[in-house]
Amino acid sequence: MADKRITKKQVKHIASLAKIELTEEEIDKFRKQLGSIINYFDTLSEVDTEGVKQTSQVTGLVNKLRDDIARDFLESENALGNAPDKNDGYFRTRSPLNK
């Protein structure tokens, strides 16, 4: 089985997408773990699935959805009643850019 190497750069990129900071030790640890996960897919690809019917769901359950009926909801004043800051009938929040 070919060893799929995950680079430190790739781990750092994944961490940045997840918005987490990692130490060098954690980067090494996750690089090895992610490589192991990817290697496992090679093992799975070796399984003979010839003649196996595709399955997307095995329980037989069916979604039970209610009818989508429009109805009145809260009046604007009630929805904004406990809002700490409001403006012209809308919730007012601080911009994440202006911390």
N, C-alpha and C. Protein backbone atom coordinates (compact mmCIF):
# COMPACT_ATOMS: atom_id res chain seq x y z
N MET A 1 0.85 -1.17 0.00
CA MET A 1 0.00 0.00 0.00
C MET A 1 0.90 1.24 0.00
N ALA A 2 0.63 2.15 -0.94
CA ALA A 2 1.42 3.38 -1.02
C ALA A 2 1.11 4.27 0.18
N ASP A 3 2.16 4.87 0.72
CA ASP A 3 1.98 5.75 1.88
C ASP A 3 1.64 7.15 1.37
N LYS A 4 0.48 7.61 1.71
CA LYS A 4 0.03 8.95 1.30
C LYS A 4 0.53 9.95 2.32
N ARG A 5 1.47 10.76 1.94
CA ARG A 5 2.05 11.73 2.87
C ARG A 5 1.24 13.02 2.84
N ILE A 6 0.91 13.48 4.01
CA ILE A 6 0.27 14.77 4.19
C ILE A 6 1.37 15.73 4.66
N THR A 7 1.47 16.85 4.03
CA THR A 7 2.53 17.79 4.39
C THR A 7 2.09 18.69 5.54
N LYS A 8 3.07 19.28 6.20
CA LYS A 8 2.77 20.24 7.27
C LYS A 8 1.98 21.42 6.71
N LYS A 9 2.32 21.81 5.49
CA LYS A 9 1.62 22.92 4.84
C LYS A 9 0.13 22.60 4.68
N GLN A 10 -0.18 21.37 4.30
CA GLN A 10 -1.58 20.97 4.15
C GLN A 10 -2.30 20.96 5.49
N VAL A 11 -1.64 20.48 6.53
CA VAL A 11 -2.25 20.48 7.87
C VAL A 11 -2.50 21.92 8.33
N LYS A 12 -1.55 22.81 8.09
CA LYS A 12 -1.73 24.21 8.46
C LYS A 12 -2.88 24.83 7.69
N HIS A 13 -3.02 24.47 6.42
CA HIS A 13 -4.12 24.99 5.62
C HIS A 13 -5.47 24.52 6.16
N ILE A 14 -5.56 23.24 6.49
CA ILE A 14 -6.80 22.69 7.06
C ILE A 14 -7.10 23.39 8.39
N ALA A 15 -6.08 23.60 9.20
CA ALA A 15 -6.27 24.28 10.49
C ALA A 15 -6.77 25.71 10.28
N SER A 16 -6.24 26.38 9.27
CA SER A 16 -6.68 27.76 9.01
C SER A 16 -8.14 27.77 8.54
N LEU A 17 -8.54 26.78 7.75
CA LEU A 17 -9.93 26.69 7.33
C LEU A 17 -10.86 26.45 8.52
N ALA A 18 -10.37 25.67 9.48
CA ALA A 18 -11.15 25.39 10.69
C ALA A 18 -10.99 26.50 11.74
N LYS A 19 -10.14 27.48 11.42
CA LYS A 19 -9.88 28.61 12.33
C LYS A 19 -9.36 28.15 13.69
N ILE A 20 -8.40 27.22 13.63
CA ILE A 20 -7.76 26.77 14.87
C ILE A 20 -6.25 26.95 14.73
N GLU A 21 -5.62 27.20 15.85
CA GLU A 21 -4.17 27.33 15.87
C GLU A 21 -3.59 26.03 16.42
N LEU A 22 -2.52 25.56 15.79
CA LEU A 22 -1.89 24.31 16.20
C LEU A 22 -0.43 24.56 16.55
N THR A 23 0.04 23.81 17.54
CA THR A 23 1.46 23.85 17.86
C THR A 23 2.19 22.94 16.86
N GLU A 24 3.50 23.03 16.83
CA GLU A 24 4.29 22.17 15.93
C GLU A 24 4.06 20.70 16.26
N GLU A 25 3.94 20.38 17.55
CA GLU A 25 3.69 18.99 17.95
C GLU A 25 2.33 18.51 17.43
N GLU A 26 1.34 19.38 17.51
CA GLU A 26 0.00 19.02 17.03
C GLU A 26 -0.01 18.86 15.51
N ILE A 27 0.74 19.71 14.82
CA ILE A 27 0.83 19.60 13.37
C ILE A 27 1.41 18.25 12.98
N ASP A 28 2.49 17.84 13.65
CA ASP A 28 3.09 16.52 13.37
C ASP A 28 2.11 15.39 13.68
N LYS A 29 1.43 15.50 14.81
CA LYS A 29 0.47 14.47 15.22
C LYS A 29 -0.65 14.34 14.19
N PHE A 30 -1.24 15.48 13.80
CA PHE A 30 -2.36 15.43 12.85
C PHE A 30 -1.91 15.04 11.46
N ARG A 31 -0.67 15.38 11.09
CA ARG A 31 -0.15 14.98 9.78
C ARG A 31 -0.11 13.46 9.69
N LYS A 32 0.35 12.82 10.76
CA LYS A 32 0.41 11.36 10.78
C LYS A 32 -1.01 10.76 10.80
N GLN A 33 -1.89 11.34 11.60
CA GLN A 33 -3.26 10.81 11.69
C GLN A 33 -4.00 10.95 10.37
N LEU A 34 -3.88 12.12 9.73
CA LEU A 34 -4.56 12.32 8.45
C LEU A 34 -4.00 11.39 7.38
N GLY A 35 -2.68 11.19 7.40
CA GLY A 35 -2.06 10.24 6.46
C GLY A 35 -2.58 8.84 6.67
N SER A 36 -2.78 8.45 7.92
CA SER A 36 -3.31 7.13 8.23
C SER A 36 -4.75 6.98 7.72
N ILE A 37 -5.52 8.03 7.86
CA ILE A 37 -6.91 7.99 7.37
C ILE A 37 -6.93 7.83 5.86
N ILE A 38 -6.09 8.58 5.17
CA ILE A 38 -6.05 8.50 3.71
C ILE A 38 -5.56 7.12 3.27
N ASN A 39 -4.58 6.57 3.99
CA ASN A 39 -4.11 5.22 3.67
C ASN A 39 -5.22 4.19 3.83
N TYR A 40 -6.11 4.41 4.78
CA TYR A 40 -7.21 3.47 4.99
C TYR A 40 -8.12 3.40 3.77
N PHE A 41 -8.26 4.50 3.04
CA PHE A 41 -9.07 4.47 1.83
C PHE A 41 -8.48 3.53 0.79
N ASP A 42 -7.15 3.41 0.77
CA ASP A 42 -6.52 2.44 -0.13
C ASP A 42 -6.96 1.02 0.23
N THR A 43 -7.04 0.74 1.53
CA THR A 43 -7.50 -0.58 1.98
C THR A 43 -8.93 -0.81 1.53
N LEU A 44 -9.76 0.19 1.69
CA LEU A 44 -11.16 0.05 1.28
C LEU A 44 -11.30 -0.15 -0.22
N SER A 45 -10.43 0.47 -1.00
CA SER A 45 -10.54 0.33 -2.45
C SER A 45 -10.15 -1.06 -2.92
N GLU A 46 -9.49 -1.86 -2.07
CA GLU A 46 -9.11 -3.22 -2.42
C GLU A 46 -10.27 -4.21 -2.24
N VAL A 47 -11.35 -3.79 -1.59
CA VAL A 47 -12.49 -4.68 -1.34
C VAL A 47 -13.23 -4.93 -2.65
N ASP A 48 -13.53 -6.19 -2.92
CA ASP A 48 -14.26 -6.55 -4.14
C ASP A 48 -15.75 -6.23 -3.95
N THR A 49 -16.23 -5.26 -4.70
CA THR A 49 -17.64 -4.86 -4.60
C THR A 49 -18.41 -5.23 -5.85
N GLU A 50 -17.81 -6.07 -6.68
CA GLU A 50 -18.48 -6.52 -7.91
C GLU A 50 -19.77 -7.24 -7.55
N GLY A 51 -20.86 -6.82 -8.15
CA GLY A 51 -22.15 -7.46 -7.91
C GLY A 51 -22.89 -6.96 -6.68
N VAL A 52 -22.30 -6.04 -5.94
CA VAL A 52 -22.96 -5.48 -4.75
C VAL A 52 -23.82 -4.31 -5.20
N LYS A 53 -25.10 -4.39 -4.86
CA LYS A 53 -26.03 -3.35 -5.26
C LYS A 53 -25.74 -2.06 -4.48
N GLN A 54 -25.83 -0.92 -5.18
CA GLN A 54 -25.62 0.35 -4.51
C GLN A 54 -26.71 0.59 -3.48
N THR A 55 -26.32 1.13 -2.36
CA THR A 55 -27.26 1.40 -1.29
C THR A 55 -27.03 2.80 -0.76
N SER A 56 -28.10 3.55 -0.62
CA SER A 56 -27.95 4.88 -0.04
C SER A 56 -28.57 4.94 1.34
N GLN A 57 -29.41 3.98 1.65
CA GLN A 57 -30.11 3.99 2.95
C GLN A 57 -30.61 2.57 3.21
N VAL A 58 -30.38 2.05 4.40
CA VAL A 58 -30.68 0.64 4.65
C VAL A 58 -31.79 0.40 5.67
N THR A 59 -32.28 1.45 6.31
CA THR A 59 -33.24 1.25 7.39
C THR A 59 -34.68 1.15 6.91
N GLY A 60 -34.96 1.63 5.69
CA GLY A 60 -36.33 1.61 5.21
C GLY A 60 -37.17 2.77 5.72
N LEU A 61 -36.56 3.64 6.50
CA LEU A 61 -37.29 4.79 7.03
C LEU A 61 -37.56 5.80 5.93
N VAL A 62 -38.67 6.47 6.04
CA VAL A 62 -39.04 7.50 5.08
C VAL A 62 -39.24 8.79 5.85
N ASN A 63 -38.77 9.89 5.28
CA ASN A 63 -38.96 11.18 5.95
C ASN A 63 -40.44 11.50 6.08
N LYS A 64 -40.83 11.90 7.26
CA LYS A 64 -42.21 12.33 7.51
C LYS A 64 -42.16 13.84 7.70
N LEU A 65 -42.57 14.56 6.69
CA LEU A 65 -42.50 16.01 6.75
C LEU A 65 -43.91 16.58 6.86
N ARG A 66 -44.02 17.65 7.63
CA ARG A 66 -45.32 18.31 7.74
C ARG A 66 -45.52 19.20 6.53
N ASP A 67 -46.77 19.54 6.25
CA ASP A 67 -47.06 20.44 5.16
C ASP A 67 -46.47 21.81 5.46
N ASP A 68 -45.96 22.45 4.44
CA ASP A 68 -45.38 23.77 4.58
C ASP A 68 -46.49 24.80 4.39
N ILE A 69 -47.02 25.25 5.49
CA ILE A 69 -48.13 26.18 5.46
C ILE A 69 -47.66 27.52 6.03
N ALA A 70 -47.87 28.58 5.25
CA ALA A 70 -47.49 29.92 5.74
C ALA A 70 -48.45 30.32 6.84
N ARG A 71 -47.90 30.91 7.89
CA ARG A 71 -48.74 31.38 8.98
C ARG A 71 -48.09 32.60 9.63
N ASP A 72 -48.88 33.31 10.39
CA ASP A 72 -48.36 34.50 11.06
C ASP A 72 -47.34 34.08 12.12
N PHE A 73 -46.36 34.92 12.25
CA PHE A 73 -45.33 34.66 13.24
C PHE A 73 -45.33 35.83 14.21
N LEU A 74 -44.24 36.09 14.83
CA LEU A 74 -44.16 37.19 15.77
C LEU A 74 -44.28 38.54 15.07
N GLU A 75 -44.94 39.44 15.72
CA GLU A 75 -44.92 40.81 15.24
C GLU A 75 -43.51 41.36 15.46
N SER A 76 -43.14 42.30 14.66
CA SER A 76 -41.79 42.86 14.73
C SER A 76 -41.45 43.37 16.13
N GLU A 77 -42.39 44.03 16.77
CA GLU A 77 -42.14 44.57 18.10
C GLU A 77 -41.87 43.45 19.11
N ASN A 78 -42.61 42.36 19.01
CA ASN A 78 -42.40 41.24 19.93
C ASN A 78 -41.05 40.55 19.68
N ALA A 79 -40.69 40.41 18.41
CA ALA A 79 -39.42 39.76 18.08
C ALA A 79 -38.24 40.58 18.60
N LEU A 80 -38.37 41.90 18.53
CA LEU A 80 -37.29 42.79 18.95
C LEU A 80 -37.39 43.20 20.41
N GLY A 81 -38.39 42.70 21.11
CA GLY A 81 -38.67 43.13 22.48
C GLY A 81 -37.49 43.05 23.43
N ASN A 82 -36.70 41.99 23.37
CA ASN A 82 -35.57 41.82 24.29
C ASN A 82 -34.22 42.12 23.64
N ALA A 83 -34.25 42.65 22.42
CA ALA A 83 -33.00 42.94 21.72
C ALA A 83 -32.24 44.05 22.45
N PRO A 84 -30.96 43.86 22.73
CA PRO A 84 -30.20 44.89 23.42
C PRO A 84 -29.99 46.14 22.55
N ASP A 85 -30.01 45.96 21.23
CA ASP A 85 -29.81 47.10 20.34
C ASP A 85 -30.62 46.85 19.08
N LYS A 86 -31.41 47.83 18.68
CA LYS A 86 -32.23 47.71 17.48
C LYS A 86 -32.24 49.03 16.74
N ASN A 87 -32.56 48.95 15.44
CA ASN A 87 -32.56 50.15 14.62
C ASN A 87 -33.56 49.97 13.49
N ASP A 88 -34.54 50.83 13.41
CA ASP A 88 -35.55 50.82 12.34
C ASP A 88 -36.20 49.45 12.14
N GLY A 89 -36.53 48.76 13.23
CA GLY A 89 -37.21 47.48 13.14
C GLY A 89 -36.31 46.29 12.87
N TYR A 90 -35.00 46.46 13.00
CA TYR A 90 -34.04 45.38 12.77
C TYR A 90 -33.15 45.21 13.99
N PHE A 91 -32.62 43.98 14.15
CA PHE A 91 -31.60 43.76 15.17
C PHE A 91 -30.35 44.51 14.73
N ARG A 92 -29.68 45.11 15.67
CA ARG A 92 -28.45 45.81 15.35
C ARG A 92 -27.31 45.08 16.06
N THR A 93 -26.29 44.75 15.29
CA THR A 93 -25.13 44.03 15.85
C THR A 93 -23.86 44.77 15.47
N ARG A 94 -22.80 44.44 16.18
CA ARG A 94 -21.51 45.02 15.87
C ARG A 94 -20.87 44.24 14.74
N SER A 95 -20.18 44.94 13.89
CA SER A 95 -19.46 44.29 12.81
C SER A 95 -18.29 43.52 13.38
N PRO A 96 -18.06 42.30 12.91
CA PRO A 96 -16.88 41.55 13.40
C PRO A 96 -15.57 42.22 13.00
N LEU A 97 -15.63 43.12 12.03
CA LEU A 97 -14.43 43.83 11.61
C LEU A 97 -14.08 44.96 12.57
N ASN A 98 -15.07 45.42 13.33
CA ASN A 98 -14.84 46.53 14.26
C ASN A 98 -14.92 46.03 15.70
N LYS A 99 -14.02 45.16 16.07
CA LYS A 99 -14.07 44.56 17.41
C LYS A 99 -13.84 45.57 18.46
